[in-house]
Amino acid sequence: MDSTELEWNYFNMQVDLHNSYLDLALKLNLFYYAITGAILSFYFTNTEIEDAKYALWLPISLSVGLSVVFLWGAKQALNLRELIKASALNLGFQGYPEGMVLVLVCAVFGLILAVVSTALLWYLICYL
């Protein structure tokens, strides 16, 4: 296998990885909001049950955990973006797939989840 073919395979692998990460980020965010919406709906329709407040710990934990994962992923996506750019330039491409979309998606999702976790913790501490 010559170096051009190897570089081409490396480039394809990085672009496929970028696409997989973007797909995973969207699916994780959708899963999070489905779970969180169901639990919050349960809680607010059953506030008379004393132990219902413990159901809020799952969305809080998911919010904190996924926030950390998404913010770390945004940093890692910057590295992947640079690798894609370098591979495209090595292959002599005039342009390359833009990786900033994944960076921004991860950063926005991470920040939103941090705000949600803060709001849920605040509600749990102040109102319960």
Protein backbone atom coordinates (compact mmCIF):
# COMPACT_ATOMS: atom_id res chain seq x y z
CA MET A 1 0.00 0.00 0.00
CA ASP A 2 1.56 3.29 -1.07
CA SER A 3 1.55 6.42 1.06
CA THR A 4 -1.19 8.18 -0.98
CA GLU A 5 -3.55 5.25 -0.58
CA LEU A 6 -2.73 5.10 3.11
CA GLU A 7 -3.39 8.85 3.51
CA TRP A 8 -6.65 8.51 1.57
CA ASN A 9 -7.80 5.67 3.86
CA TYR A 10 -6.82 7.75 6.89
CA PHE A 11 -8.81 10.71 5.58
CA ASN A 12 -11.89 8.53 4.94
CA MET A 13 -11.60 7.02 8.42
CA GLN A 14 -11.50 10.49 10.03
CA VAL A 15 -14.50 11.76 8.05
CA ASP A 16 -16.49 8.61 8.91
CA LEU A 17 -15.52 9.04 12.55
CA HIS A 18 -16.72 12.66 12.46
CA ASN A 19 -20.06 11.59 10.98
CA SER A 20 -20.45 8.83 13.57
CA TYR A 21 -19.70 11.23 16.42
CA LEU A 22 -22.23 13.76 15.16
CA ASP A 23 -24.87 11.05 14.85
CA LEU A 24 -24.08 9.76 18.35
CA ALA A 25 -24.24 13.28 19.83
CA LEU A 26 -27.69 13.86 18.35
CA LYS A 27 -28.97 10.46 19.50
CA LEU A 28 -27.60 10.94 23.02
CA ASN A 29 -29.24 14.35 23.28
CA LEU A 30 -32.57 12.95 22.05
CA PHE A 31 -32.33 10.07 24.55
CA TYR A 32 -31.54 12.51 27.37
CA TYR A 33 -34.56 14.72 26.66
CA ALA A 34 -36.89 11.73 26.33
CA ILE A 35 -35.79 10.35 29.71
CA THR A 36 -35.73 13.75 31.41
CA GLY A 37 -39.12 14.75 30.02
CA ALA A 38 -40.71 11.50 31.17
CA ILE A 39 -39.25 11.76 34.67
CA LEU A 40 -40.14 15.43 35.11
CA SER A 41 -43.64 14.73 33.84
CA PHE A 42 -43.95 11.91 36.38
CA TYR A 43 -42.63 14.09 39.18
CA PHE A 44 -44.85 17.12 38.53
CA THR A 45 -47.98 14.97 38.20
CA ASN A 46 -47.15 13.08 41.42
CA THR A 47 -45.83 15.79 43.74
CA GLU A 48 -48.10 14.52 46.51
CA ILE A 49 -45.95 11.38 46.72
CA GLU A 50 -43.20 12.18 49.21
CA ASP A 51 -40.54 9.97 47.57
CA ALA A 52 -41.22 11.28 44.05
CA LYS A 53 -38.49 13.88 44.54
CA TYR A 54 -35.86 11.12 44.39
CA ALA A 55 -36.79 10.61 40.74
CA LEU A 56 -35.11 13.97 40.00
CA TRP A 57 -31.68 12.52 40.76
CA LEU A 58 -31.58 10.55 37.49
CA PRO A 59 -32.00 13.60 35.22
CA ILE A 60 -29.57 15.55 37.42
CA SER A 61 -26.98 12.78 37.15
CA LEU A 62 -27.53 12.41 33.41
CA SER A 63 -27.27 16.18 32.97
CA VAL A 64 -23.99 16.44 34.83
CA GLY A 65 -22.47 13.36 33.21
CA LEU A 66 -23.49 14.19 29.66
CA SER A 67 -22.49 17.82 30.11
CA VAL A 68 -18.96 16.73 30.98
CA VAL A 69 -18.91 14.25 28.08
CA PHE A 70 -20.17 16.82 25.55
CA LEU A 71 -17.80 19.58 26.69
CA TRP A 72 -14.85 17.18 26.61
CA GLY A 73 -16.08 15.94 23.22
CA ALA A 74 -16.08 19.50 21.86
CA LYS A 75 -12.40 19.80 22.75
CA GLN A 76 -11.64 16.44 21.14
CA ALA A 77 -13.67 17.36 18.05
CA LEU A 78 -11.33 20.33 17.53
CA ASN A 79 -8.45 17.86 17.32
CA LEU A 80 -10.37 15.69 14.83
CA ARG A 81 -11.14 18.79 12.76
CA GLU A 82 -7.43 19.61 12.54
CA LEU A 83 -6.59 16.04 11.54
CA ILE A 84 -9.18 16.12 8.75
CA LYS A 85 -7.82 19.45 7.54
CA ALA A 86 -4.21 18.20 7.58
CA SER A 87 -5.13 15.00 5.72
CA ALA A 88 -7.04 16.95 3.08
CA LEU A 89 -4.09 19.28 2.55
CA ASN A 90 -1.69 16.30 2.33
CA LEU A 91 -3.90 14.84 -0.38
CA GLY A 92 -3.88 18.14 -2.24
CA PHE A 93 -7.57 18.96 -1.78
CA GLN A 94 -8.66 22.55 -2.23
CA GLY A 95 -11.32 22.15 0.44
CA TYR A 96 -12.22 19.72 3.17
CA PRO A 97 -15.28 18.76 5.22
CA GLU A 98 -15.82 21.35 7.92
CA GLY A 99 -15.62 19.85 11.39
CA MET A 100 -16.74 22.92 13.31
CA VAL A 101 -20.34 21.68 13.25
CA LEU A 102 -19.47 18.81 15.59
CA VAL A 103 -17.51 21.15 17.86
CA LEU A 104 -20.41 23.59 18.12
CA VAL A 105 -23.03 20.86 18.58
CA CYS A 106 -21.06 19.31 21.42
CA ALA A 107 -20.35 22.69 23.05
CA VAL A 108 -23.99 23.84 22.83
CA PHE A 109 -25.34 20.52 24.12
CA GLY A 110 -22.80 20.54 26.95
CA LEU A 111 -23.66 24.08 28.02
CA ILE A 112 -27.41 23.45 27.86
CA LEU A 113 -27.03 20.30 29.96
CA ALA A 114 -24.93 22.22 32.50
CA VAL A 115 -27.71 24.82 32.78
CA VAL A 116 -30.39 22.12 33.13
CA SER A 117 -28.42 20.30 35.83
CA THR A 118 -27.93 23.57 37.72
CA ALA A 119 -31.63 24.42 37.44
CA LEU A 120 -32.72 20.97 38.62
CA LEU A 121 -30.31 21.04 41.55
CA TRP A 122 -31.48 24.53 42.47
CA TYR A 123 -35.12 23.37 42.35
CA LEU A 124 -34.34 20.30 44.43
CA ILE A 125 -32.48 22.32 47.08
CA CYS A 126 -34.78 25.37 47.25
CA TYR A 127 -38.22 23.84 46.87
CA LEU A 128 -37.93 20.41 48.42
